[in-house]
Amino acid sequence: MNKVWMAVLIVLLLGVPLATSAQEPNPDMNGDYVFEGSYEVDGETVTYTGTGTYTGTGSVYRATSSYDDGGGGENDPFLLLGNTLIDAYGDASCSENAYSLLPDGRLLGIWLDSTLGMGTGAEILTPMDDNTEGFTGTYTIDGVFSDGTPYTGTVSISADENGIYTLLYDYPAVADTPALTADAFGLEMNNWLGVSLTLADDKSAADCAISVASVESNGNHAGIWYIAGLFGTENGTKQ
């Protein structure tokens, strides 16, 4: 990895917002929210409601939420990148990756890890051939942990007709971290691909949900989510 891209990744790790078009600051999402959502099961529409509180600065926030179906979480971390919210949740081991598509076909990413205590990191994904289209394709990974330790890997990204992305990661051993393989799911919004990932040995992508939402300047947001075959929508209204 050259020094220029290493500097870009370090900037990302410091929490500087990365915009996809106009350089606008992240919305302030601190506050209390009411959630309304729905999904379909066997052709029937299921609706739900919830409440939550967001706290944070820059690109990293935490959510404490409670839903009428018994779901929710406490201090769940999520990413705010420009006007796009990306959150992975479900099992405690779930972490989120976020990728922005660059004009030259590479992907610029940042991640928050919950599994191995690695904190945050960032990476550049470079196409391995000319068969990439949008986010799909096979990429080499050049990344850096928040302590400056570099790492490498590969990932294959595909998408189905419903816009659900599947990612297959392969990381060789680095420093004190063993070699890892993982599968993941993703959703696209606002030129960002949000990904839910777990590196826990006894878990899989089916244990993690991914949600992406478009955020207004006042913090209100509307988005979509996916977990293990269920696809839904959800709106959050700031109180």
Protein backbone atom coordinates (compact mmCIF):
# COMPACT_ATOMS: atom_id res chain seq x y z
CA MET A 1 0.00 0.00 0.00
CA ASN A 2 1.45 3.36 -0.96
CA LYS A 3 1.83 6.23 1.48
CA VAL A 4 -1.00 8.26 -0.07
CA TRP A 5 -3.61 5.57 0.50
CA MET A 6 -2.23 4.80 3.93
CA ALA A 7 -2.80 8.48 4.80
CA VAL A 8 -6.38 8.29 3.47
CA LEU A 9 -7.10 5.25 5.62
CA ILE A 10 -5.69 6.91 8.72
CA VAL A 11 -7.91 9.95 8.07
CA LEU A 12 -10.90 7.63 7.93
CA LEU A 13 -9.91 6.02 11.23
CA LEU A 14 -9.76 9.44 12.87
CA GLY A 15 -13.47 9.78 12.20
CA VAL A 16 -13.40 12.36 9.42
CA PRO A 17 -16.67 12.06 7.45
CA LEU A 18 -16.32 10.72 3.92
CA ALA A 19 -18.83 12.30 1.54
CA THR A 20 -19.80 10.73 -1.77
CA SER A 21 -20.52 13.98 -3.62
CA ALA A 22 -20.76 17.44 -2.07
CA GLN A 23 -18.52 17.87 0.95
CA GLU A 24 -21.23 18.32 3.56
CA PRO A 25 -20.85 17.62 7.27
CA ASN A 26 -22.50 14.59 8.84
CA PRO A 27 -25.97 15.31 10.26
CA ASP A 28 -26.16 15.48 14.05
CA MET A 29 -27.98 12.29 15.03
CA ASN A 30 -27.76 12.72 18.80
CA GLY A 31 -31.20 12.43 20.36
CA ASP A 32 -34.26 10.26 20.91
CA TYR A 33 -36.08 8.49 18.06
CA VAL A 34 -39.32 6.68 17.30
CA PHE A 35 -39.07 3.80 14.81
CA GLU A 36 -41.72 2.34 12.52
CA GLY A 37 -41.05 -0.61 10.24
CA SER A 38 -42.48 -3.54 8.35
CA TYR A 39 -41.54 -6.81 6.67
CA GLU A 40 -43.30 -9.74 5.02
CA VAL A 41 -43.55 -13.34 6.23
CA ASP A 42 -45.35 -15.91 4.05
CA GLY A 43 -47.08 -13.13 2.13
CA GLU A 44 -48.30 -11.36 5.26
CA THR A 45 -47.10 -7.88 6.22
CA VAL A 46 -45.82 -7.55 9.78
CA THR A 47 -45.50 -4.06 11.28
CA TYR A 48 -43.55 -3.03 14.35
CA THR A 49 -42.58 0.06 16.35
CA GLY A 50 -39.77 0.99 18.70
CA THR A 51 -37.89 3.75 20.44
CA GLY A 52 -34.19 4.51 20.77
CA THR A 53 -31.45 6.97 21.63
CA TYR A 54 -28.40 7.80 19.51
CA THR A 55 -25.18 9.28 20.90
CA GLY A 56 -21.91 9.97 19.13
CA THR A 57 -19.76 12.30 17.06
CA GLY A 58 -18.17 12.25 13.62
CA SER A 59 -18.68 8.91 11.88
CA VAL A 60 -19.21 6.62 14.89
CA TYR A 61 -22.43 6.53 16.92
CA ARG A 62 -24.04 4.18 19.42
CA ALA A 63 -27.70 3.23 19.65
CA THR A 64 -29.76 1.97 22.57
CA SER A 65 -33.15 0.75 21.35
CA SER A 66 -36.24 -1.22 22.32
CA TYR A 67 -38.90 -2.69 19.99
CA ASP A 68 -42.42 -3.93 20.65
CA ASP A 69 -41.49 -7.39 19.31
CA GLY A 70 -38.83 -7.81 22.01
CA GLY A 71 -35.86 -6.77 19.90
CA GLY A 72 -33.39 -4.01 20.57
CA GLY A 73 -29.93 -3.48 21.94
CA GLU A 74 -27.70 -1.38 24.18
CA ASN A 75 -24.74 0.72 22.98
CA ASP A 76 -24.88 -0.88 19.51
CA PRO A 77 -22.23 0.89 17.37
CA PHE A 78 -23.05 2.11 13.88
CA LEU A 79 -21.43 4.20 11.15
CA LEU A 80 -22.64 7.58 9.86
CA LEU A 81 -20.96 8.38 6.56
CA GLY A 82 -22.23 11.63 5.07
CA ASN A 83 -25.98 11.13 4.74
CA THR A 84 -25.83 7.33 5.04
CA LEU A 85 -26.30 5.25 8.21
CA ILE A 86 -24.87 1.71 8.23
CA ASP A 87 -25.56 -0.68 11.10
CA ALA A 88 -24.92 -4.40 11.65
CA TYR A 89 -26.72 -6.01 14.56
CA GLY A 90 -28.19 -9.26 15.83
CA ASP A 91 -25.53 -11.35 17.56
CA ALA A 92 -23.01 -9.56 19.79
CA SER A 93 -20.24 -10.63 17.40
CA CYS A 94 -21.68 -8.74 14.41
CA SER A 95 -19.61 -5.91 12.98
CA GLU A 96 -20.18 -3.47 10.13
CA ASN A 97 -18.16 -2.73 7.02
CA ALA A 98 -18.92 0.20 4.69
CA TYR A 99 -17.59 0.57 1.16
CA SER A 100 -17.72 3.58 -1.16
CA LEU A 101 -17.35 3.01 -4.91
CA LEU A 102 -14.52 5.13 -6.36
CA PRO A 103 -14.50 6.38 -9.98
CA ASP A 104 -11.64 4.03 -10.93
CA GLY A 105 -13.54 0.94 -9.74
CA ARG A 106 -11.78 0.50 -6.41
CA LEU A 107 -13.71 0.42 -3.13
CA LEU A 108 -12.74 2.56 -0.14
CA GLY A 109 -13.90 1.06 3.16
CA ILE A 110 -14.06 1.53 6.90
CA TRP A 111 -15.11 -1.01 9.52
CA LEU A 112 -16.02 -1.45 13.19
CA ASP A 113 -15.24 -4.83 14.74
CA SER A 114 -17.06 -6.45 17.65
CA THR A 115 -15.66 -9.97 17.45
CA LEU A 116 -11.93 -9.90 18.08
CA GLY A 117 -11.59 -6.56 19.86
CA MET A 118 -9.79 -5.05 16.87
CA GLY A 119 -11.69 -1.74 17.13
CA THR A 120 -11.72 0.10 13.82
CA GLY A 121 -9.90 -0.23 10.55
CA ALA A 122 -9.99 0.85 6.94
CA GLU A 123 -9.12 -0.74 3.63
CA ILE A 124 -8.80 -0.31 -0.13
CA LEU A 125 -10.31 -3.00 -2.39
CA THR A 126 -8.70 -3.29 -5.84
CA PRO A 127 -10.36 -5.32 -8.64
CA MET A 128 -8.42 -8.49 -9.50
CA ASP A 129 -9.73 -8.50 -13.11
CA ASP A 130 -11.95 -6.56 -15.52
CA ASN A 131 -15.15 -8.37 -14.54
CA THR A 132 -16.25 -5.94 -11.85
CA GLU A 133 -19.58 -4.12 -12.22
CA GLY A 134 -20.57 -1.62 -9.57
CA PHE A 135 -19.69 -3.27 -6.26
CA THR A 136 -19.66 -6.83 -7.63
CA GLY A 137 -16.43 -8.60 -8.50
CA THR A 138 -13.34 -10.11 -6.91
CA TYR A 139 -10.94 -7.78 -5.09
CA THR A 140 -7.62 -7.76 -3.28
CA ILE A 141 -7.74 -6.06 0.12
CA ASP A 142 -5.07 -3.72 1.51
CA GLY A 143 -6.01 -2.46 4.94
CA VAL A 144 -4.78 -1.05 8.21
CA PHE A 145 -5.86 -1.58 11.80
CA SER A 146 -6.35 1.46 14.02
CA ASP A 147 -2.89 0.86 15.56
CA GLY A 148 -1.27 1.14 12.11
CA THR A 149 -0.73 -2.59 11.53
CA PRO A 150 -1.31 -3.43 7.84
CA TYR A 151 -3.18 -6.49 6.60
CA THR A 152 -4.16 -8.04 3.25
CA GLY A 153 -6.86 -10.35 1.93
CA THR A 154 -9.33 -11.04 -0.85
CA VAL A 155 -13.10 -10.73 -1.15
CA SER A 156 -15.62 -11.86 -3.74
CA ILE A 157 -18.81 -9.77 -3.99
CA SER A 158 -21.99 -10.84 -5.81
CA ALA A 159 -25.60 -9.63 -5.82
CA ASP A 160 -28.95 -11.30 -6.47
CA GLU A 161 -31.98 -9.96 -8.30
CA ASN A 162 -33.34 -8.44 -5.07
CA GLY A 163 -30.26 -6.32 -4.43
CA ILE A 164 -28.95 -8.53 -1.61
CA TYR A 165 -25.16 -8.73 -1.75
CA THR A 166 -23.13 -11.76 -0.65
CA LEU A 167 -19.46 -11.30 0.28
CA LEU A 168 -16.87 -14.05 0.81
CA TYR A 169 -13.74 -12.87 2.69
CA ASP A 170 -10.37 -14.60 2.99
CA TYR A 171 -7.70 -13.08 5.26
CA PRO A 172 -4.24 -14.62 5.84
CA ALA A 173 -2.72 -14.50 9.32
CA VAL A 174 -1.26 -11.15 10.41
CA ALA A 175 0.53 -10.26 13.67
CA ASP A 176 -1.40 -11.98 16.49
CA THR A 177 -4.54 -12.47 14.37
CA PRO A 178 -5.00 -15.95 12.82
CA ALA A 179 -6.07 -16.59 9.22
CA LEU A 180 -9.79 -15.93 8.82
CA THR A 181 -12.56 -16.68 6.35
CA ALA A 182 -16.06 -15.24 6.58
CA ASP A 183 -19.26 -14.81 4.63
CA ALA A 184 -21.36 -11.66 4.85
CA PHE A 185 -24.48 -9.92 3.54
CA GLY A 186 -24.77 -6.36 2.25
CA LEU A 187 -27.19 -3.68 1.08
CA GLU A 188 -26.52 -0.63 -1.11
CA MET A 189 -27.66 2.97 -0.58
CA ASN A 190 -26.32 6.40 -1.63
CA ASN A 191 -23.24 4.88 -3.32
CA TRP A 192 -22.36 3.00 -0.12
CA LEU A 193 -22.40 -0.76 0.38
CA GLY A 194 -23.17 -1.61 4.01
CA VAL A 195 -22.06 -5.08 5.13
CA SER A 196 -22.78 -7.21 8.22
CA LEU A 197 -19.91 -9.51 9.15
CA THR A 198 -18.96 -11.86 11.96
CA LEU A 199 -15.55 -13.47 12.44
CA ALA A 200 -16.66 -15.62 15.38
CA ASP A 201 -15.91 -19.32 14.80
CA ASP A 202 -19.40 -20.47 15.85
CA LYS A 203 -21.38 -17.82 13.94
CA SER A 204 -22.26 -17.03 10.33
CA ALA A 205 -23.72 -14.18 8.30
CA ALA A 206 -27.19 -15.57 9.05
CA ASP A 207 -26.72 -14.45 12.68
CA CYS A 208 -26.27 -10.79 11.67
CA ALA A 209 -28.63 -8.20 10.22
CA ILE A 210 -27.55 -5.29 8.03
CA SER A 211 -29.43 -2.02 7.73
CA VAL A 212 -28.71 1.04 5.60
CA ALA A 213 -30.61 4.30 5.75
CA SER A 214 -30.60 7.70 4.10
CA VAL A 215 -30.36 10.46 6.73
CA GLU A 216 -31.84 13.95 6.47
CA SER A 217 -30.11 17.03 7.92
CA ASN A 218 -32.42 16.90 10.98
CA GLY A 219 -31.51 13.27 11.78
CA ASN A 220 -34.69 11.65 10.46
CA HIS A 221 -33.86 8.57 8.39
CA ALA A 222 -35.48 6.00 6.13
CA GLY A 223 -33.88 2.71 5.26
CA ILE A 224 -33.95 -1.00 4.52
CA TRP A 225 -32.69 -4.05 6.41
CA TYR A 226 -31.98 -7.73 5.77
CA ILE A 227 -31.33 -10.81 7.89
CA ALA A 228 -31.51 -14.53 7.03
CA GLY A 229 -34.07 -14.22 4.25
CA LEU A 230 -36.15 -11.42 5.80
CA PHE A 231 -36.15 -8.03 4.07
CA GLY A 232 -37.81 -4.99 5.67
CA THR A 233 -38.06 -1.23 5.77
CA GLU A 234 -37.80 1.16 8.71
CA ASN A 235 -38.16 4.90 9.34
CA GLY A 236 -36.67 6.75 12.31
CA THR A 237 -38.13 10.07 13.41
CA LYS A 238 -36.16 12.33 15.75
CA GLN A 239 -38.15 13.59 18.74
